[in-house]
């Protein structure tokens, strides 16, 4: 780990960097994210509940590459493996944040059909890729156990000079104060359910019958709540996150 400006300067020749970021430690992750909203691919992974598995929160943006869809063939993750292999993979101490750069994104439930034959009954009206992964070479990590914040990075294709420039931009974004957006600037939304009361009761009846027949032991009967929205999603997220 790096604990001083002198050490940080020396680390500019290293393919893996980790240094304290006190300016970020003084902010909530959601407020720090305000400083990166102009960058593409902003990703904020927040831990909100106590517990061993909720120690870290992460912020990153401006991915090096984005994968939008599984690879053809037997291994849908083949291209994802090639992407992450571009990052320097060496490990730091056991006390370092567990994530210092890598793939951030999602794997959909529908991706499971690449591995097993299961029925497809949901309408694909969103037209989203079953897999979307972005390759990030830097990250800010908040340690909820200690209150510290760290700036970490992994060189892409061994290019340490490029990593140094990227980390310098992150540091510079904390040089000036930034005011968080107002979470009240959200238009009230009117939601409609995709499942009415009668359809819900019929669904419950079918599930209970299937359980009684031994076809299954558990099922999740879900419904979608929809509302038209065309504004900036960030204030909406802040309102949902902070109330």
Protein backbone atom coordinates (compact mmCIF):
# COMPACT_ATOMS: atom_id res chain seq x y z
CA UNK A 1 0.00 0.00 0.00
CA UNK A 2 1.01 3.62 -0.49
CA UNK A 3 0.81 5.95 2.49
CA UNK A 4 2.68 9.12 1.51
CA UNK A 5 3.09 11.57 -1.40
CA UNK A 6 6.66 10.32 -1.86
CA UNK A 7 5.49 6.75 -2.14
CA UNK A 8 2.71 7.81 -4.47
CA UNK A 9 5.24 9.45 -6.77
CA UNK A 10 7.29 6.27 -6.85
CA UNK A 11 4.18 4.25 -7.58
CA UNK A 12 3.73 5.99 -10.90
CA UNK A 13 6.06 3.40 -12.39
CA UNK A 14 4.01 0.51 -11.00
CA UNK A 15 1.25 -1.32 -12.89
CA UNK A 16 -0.92 -1.58 -9.75
CA UNK A 17 -1.51 1.52 -7.61
CA UNK A 18 -3.24 2.00 -4.26
CA UNK A 19 -3.15 5.25 -2.31
CA UNK A 20 -5.24 7.00 0.36
CA UNK A 21 -7.81 9.50 -0.90
CA UNK A 22 -8.79 11.60 2.16
CA UNK A 23 -10.91 14.00 0.11
CA UNK A 24 -13.17 11.11 -0.86
CA UNK A 25 -13.26 9.75 2.70
CA UNK A 26 -14.90 12.99 3.79
CA UNK A 27 -17.81 12.40 1.38
CA UNK A 28 -20.53 9.84 1.02
CA UNK A 29 -20.00 7.74 -2.12
CA UNK A 30 -23.21 9.11 -3.65
CA UNK A 31 -21.95 12.69 -3.15
CA UNK A 32 -18.50 11.89 -4.53
CA UNK A 33 -20.18 10.47 -7.63
CA UNK A 34 -21.45 13.97 -8.46
CA UNK A 35 -17.90 14.84 -9.53
CA UNK A 36 -17.89 12.16 -12.24
CA UNK A 37 -21.32 12.58 -13.79
CA UNK A 38 -19.83 14.08 -16.96
CA UNK A 39 -17.97 10.83 -17.68
CA UNK A 40 -19.51 7.88 -19.54
CA UNK A 41 -20.15 4.60 -17.79
CA UNK A 42 -20.46 5.97 -14.25
CA UNK A 43 -20.84 3.03 -11.86
CA UNK A 44 -21.59 3.36 -8.15
CA UNK A 45 -21.67 0.15 -6.11
CA UNK A 46 -22.87 1.13 -2.65
CA UNK A 47 -23.00 -0.99 0.48
CA UNK A 48 -25.64 0.26 2.87
CA UNK A 49 -26.23 -2.46 5.44
CA UNK A 50 -23.89 -3.63 8.20
CA UNK A 51 -22.13 -6.95 7.97
CA UNK A 52 -18.95 -8.59 6.75
CA UNK A 53 -20.13 -8.65 3.13
CA UNK A 54 -21.09 -4.97 3.11
CA UNK A 55 -17.76 -3.45 4.06
CA UNK A 56 -16.83 -1.78 0.77
CA UNK A 57 -18.42 0.73 -1.60
CA UNK A 58 -16.94 1.44 -5.04
CA UNK A 59 -17.05 4.22 -7.61
CA UNK A 60 -15.63 4.17 -11.12
CA UNK A 61 -16.34 5.68 -14.55
CA UNK A 62 -15.07 6.07 -18.12
CA UNK A 63 -14.48 2.38 -18.93
CA UNK A 64 -11.70 1.31 -21.26
CA UNK A 65 -13.98 -1.08 -23.15
CA UNK A 66 -17.59 -2.25 -22.98
CA UNK A 67 -18.89 -5.71 -23.83
CA UNK A 68 -22.57 -5.77 -24.78
CA UNK A 69 -23.53 -9.38 -25.24
CA UNK A 70 -22.17 -12.88 -24.62
CA UNK A 71 -19.56 -14.42 -26.86
CA UNK A 72 -20.77 -16.96 -29.42
CA UNK A 73 -19.97 -20.61 -28.93
CA UNK A 74 -19.77 -22.78 -25.86
CA UNK A 75 -18.27 -20.14 -23.54
CA UNK A 76 -20.40 -16.96 -23.35
CA UNK A 77 -17.70 -15.37 -21.14
CA UNK A 78 -14.79 -15.91 -23.55
CA UNK A 79 -14.60 -12.27 -24.60
CA UNK A 80 -15.03 -11.10 -21.00
CA UNK A 81 -12.03 -13.23 -20.01
CA UNK A 82 -9.96 -11.64 -22.77
CA UNK A 83 -10.92 -8.18 -21.59
CA UNK A 84 -10.06 -8.72 -17.93
CA UNK A 85 -6.76 -10.34 -18.95
CA UNK A 86 -5.65 -6.92 -20.22
CA UNK A 87 -5.45 -5.69 -16.62
CA UNK A 88 -2.39 -6.28 -14.48
CA UNK A 89 -3.50 -9.06 -12.14
CA UNK A 90 -0.91 -8.89 -9.36
CA UNK A 91 -2.31 -8.78 -5.83
CA UNK A 92 -1.48 -6.40 -3.01
CA UNK A 93 -1.74 -7.11 0.71
CA UNK A 94 -4.70 -8.90 2.25
CA UNK A 95 -5.88 -5.60 3.77
CA UNK A 96 -6.21 -3.89 0.39
CA UNK A 97 -9.65 -3.34 -1.12
CA UNK A 98 -10.69 -6.56 -2.89
CA UNK A 99 -11.53 -4.67 -6.10
CA UNK A 100 -8.98 -2.35 -7.71
CA UNK A 101 -10.27 -2.49 -11.27
CA UNK A 102 -11.94 -5.03 -13.49
CA UNK A 103 -15.34 -5.76 -14.99
CA UNK A 104 -18.46 -3.95 -13.78
CA UNK A 105 -21.90 -4.69 -15.18
CA UNK A 106 -24.65 -7.26 -15.08
CA UNK A 107 -25.56 -10.80 -16.11
CA UNK A 108 -29.25 -11.26 -16.80
CA UNK A 109 -31.36 -14.20 -15.72
CA UNK A 110 -31.93 -14.94 -19.40
CA UNK A 111 -28.23 -15.66 -19.83
CA UNK A 112 -28.94 -18.93 -18.03
CA UNK A 113 -30.49 -20.25 -21.23
CA UNK A 114 -26.96 -20.54 -22.62
CA UNK A 115 -26.32 -23.26 -20.06
CA UNK A 116 -29.60 -25.12 -19.70
CA UNK A 117 -32.89 -25.55 -21.49
CA UNK A 118 -35.54 -23.59 -19.67
CA UNK A 119 -38.79 -22.14 -21.05
CA UNK A 120 -38.95 -18.52 -22.14
CA UNK A 121 -42.32 -16.99 -21.28
CA UNK A 122 -41.43 -13.35 -20.57
CA UNK A 123 -41.87 -10.78 -23.33
CA UNK A 124 -38.55 -9.25 -24.41
CA UNK A 125 -39.89 -5.70 -24.60
CA UNK A 126 -36.81 -3.99 -23.10
CA UNK A 127 -34.36 -5.20 -25.75
CA UNK A 128 -31.48 -5.25 -23.29
CA UNK A 129 -28.43 -7.44 -23.88
CA UNK A 130 -28.30 -10.52 -21.64
CA UNK A 131 -24.79 -9.48 -20.60
CA UNK A 132 -23.15 -6.08 -20.28
CA UNK A 133 -19.68 -5.70 -18.77
CA UNK A 134 -17.44 -2.63 -18.73
CA UNK A 135 -13.68 -2.83 -18.17
CA UNK A 136 -12.49 -0.24 -15.63
CA UNK A 137 -8.85 0.47 -14.80
CA UNK A 138 -9.42 2.68 -11.72
CA UNK A 139 -11.73 2.69 -8.73
CA UNK A 140 -12.37 4.63 -5.53
CA UNK A 141 -13.03 2.26 -2.62
CA UNK A 142 -14.67 3.28 0.66
CA UNK A 143 -13.96 1.11 3.69
CA UNK A 144 -17.02 1.26 5.93
CA UNK A 145 -15.11 -0.50 8.71
CA UNK A 146 -12.40 2.16 9.04
CA UNK A 147 -13.90 5.22 7.34
CA UNK A 148 -10.98 5.40 4.90
CA UNK A 149 -11.16 5.86 1.15
CA UNK A 150 -8.64 4.57 -1.36
CA UNK A 151 -7.82 5.28 -4.98
CA UNK A 152 -6.71 2.17 -6.83
CA UNK A 153 -5.84 1.30 -10.39
CA UNK A 154 -4.51 -1.44 -12.64
CA UNK A 155 -2.58 -0.70 -15.81
CA UNK A 156 -4.20 -1.75 -19.08
CA UNK A 157 -1.87 -3.66 -21.40
CA UNK A 158 1.04 -2.66 -19.16
CA UNK A 159 0.63 1.05 -19.99
CA UNK A 160 1.60 2.65 -16.66
CA UNK A 161 1.81 6.16 -18.12
CA UNK A 162 -1.80 5.98 -19.21
CA UNK A 163 -2.81 4.80 -15.75
CA UNK A 164 -0.94 7.71 -14.17
CA UNK A 165 -2.88 10.19 -16.33
CA UNK A 166 -6.18 8.52 -15.46
CA UNK A 167 -5.50 8.63 -11.72
CA UNK A 168 -4.36 12.25 -11.91
CA UNK A 169 -7.74 13.16 -13.38
CA UNK A 170 -9.53 11.43 -10.51
CA UNK A 171 -7.47 13.33 -7.92
CA UNK A 172 -8.09 16.64 -9.69
CA UNK A 173 -11.85 16.18 -9.43
CA UNK A 174 -11.59 16.45 -5.64
CA UNK A 175 -9.62 19.70 -5.72
CA UNK A 176 -12.75 21.87 -5.74
CA UNK A 177 -15.93 21.62 -3.71
CA UNK A 178 -18.98 20.27 -5.51
CA UNK A 179 -22.56 20.57 -4.33
CA UNK A 180 -24.75 17.46 -4.52
CA UNK A 181 -27.82 17.61 -6.71
CA UNK A 182 -31.14 18.26 -5.03
CA UNK A 183 -32.91 14.92 -4.50
CA UNK A 184 -36.28 16.69 -4.50
CA UNK A 185 -35.94 17.68 -8.17
CA UNK A 186 -37.87 14.62 -9.31
CA UNK A 187 -41.26 14.73 -10.99
CA UNK A 188 -43.85 12.59 -9.23
CA UNK A 189 -44.31 9.32 -11.10
CA UNK A 190 -47.59 7.48 -11.58
CA UNK A 191 -47.09 3.72 -11.74
CA UNK A 192 -49.23 1.08 -13.38
CA UNK A 193 -49.07 -2.60 -12.56
CA UNK A 194 -48.58 -5.20 -15.26
CA UNK A 195 -50.72 -7.64 -13.28
CA UNK A 196 -54.22 -6.83 -12.05
CA UNK A 197 -55.81 -8.29 -8.91
CA UNK A 198 -57.68 -11.05 -10.73
CA UNK A 199 -54.62 -12.21 -12.65
CA UNK A 200 -52.60 -12.20 -9.44
CA UNK A 201 -55.14 -14.39 -7.64
CA UNK A 202 -55.24 -16.83 -10.56
CA UNK A 203 -51.46 -17.02 -10.51
CA UNK A 204 -51.41 -17.78 -6.79
CA UNK A 205 -53.97 -20.53 -7.38
CA UNK A 206 -51.88 -22.13 -10.11
CA UNK A 207 -48.77 -22.05 -7.93
CA UNK A 208 -50.57 -23.62 -4.99
CA UNK A 209 -51.86 -26.35 -7.28
CA UNK A 210 -48.39 -27.03 -8.65
CA UNK A 211 -47.00 -27.27 -5.11
CA UNK A 212 -49.76 -29.69 -4.13
CA UNK A 213 -48.97 -31.82 -7.20
CA UNK A 214 -45.29 -31.96 -6.29
CA UNK A 215 -44.15 -30.07 -9.39
CA UNK A 216 -42.36 -27.41 -7.35
CA UNK A 217 -41.84 -26.34 -3.77
CA UNK A 218 -41.45 -22.59 -4.21
CA UNK A 219 -42.25 -19.89 -6.76
CA UNK A 220 -41.92 -16.13 -6.91
CA UNK A 221 -44.97 -14.50 -8.46
CA UNK A 222 -43.79 -11.07 -9.54
CA UNK A 223 -45.29 -8.09 -11.26
CA UNK A 224 -43.83 -5.06 -12.98
CA UNK A 225 -44.64 -1.51 -11.93
CA UNK A 226 -44.15 0.92 -14.82
CA UNK A 227 -44.19 4.69 -15.13
CA UNK A 228 -43.16 6.91 -18.04
CA UNK A 229 -39.89 8.72 -17.35
CA UNK A 230 -37.71 10.74 -19.72
CA UNK A 231 -35.61 12.90 -17.41
CA UNK A 232 -32.19 12.56 -15.80
CA UNK A 233 -32.06 9.27 -13.91
CA UNK A 234 -29.45 10.51 -11.42
CA UNK A 235 -31.79 12.70 -9.28
CA UNK A 236 -34.25 9.81 -9.35
CA UNK A 237 -31.61 7.46 -7.98
CA UNK A 238 -30.61 9.96 -5.30
CA UNK A 239 -34.22 10.25 -4.20
CA UNK A 240 -34.62 6.48 -4.03
CA UNK A 241 -31.29 6.07 -2.24
CA UNK A 242 -31.43 8.89 0.29
CA UNK A 243 -35.18 9.56 0.64
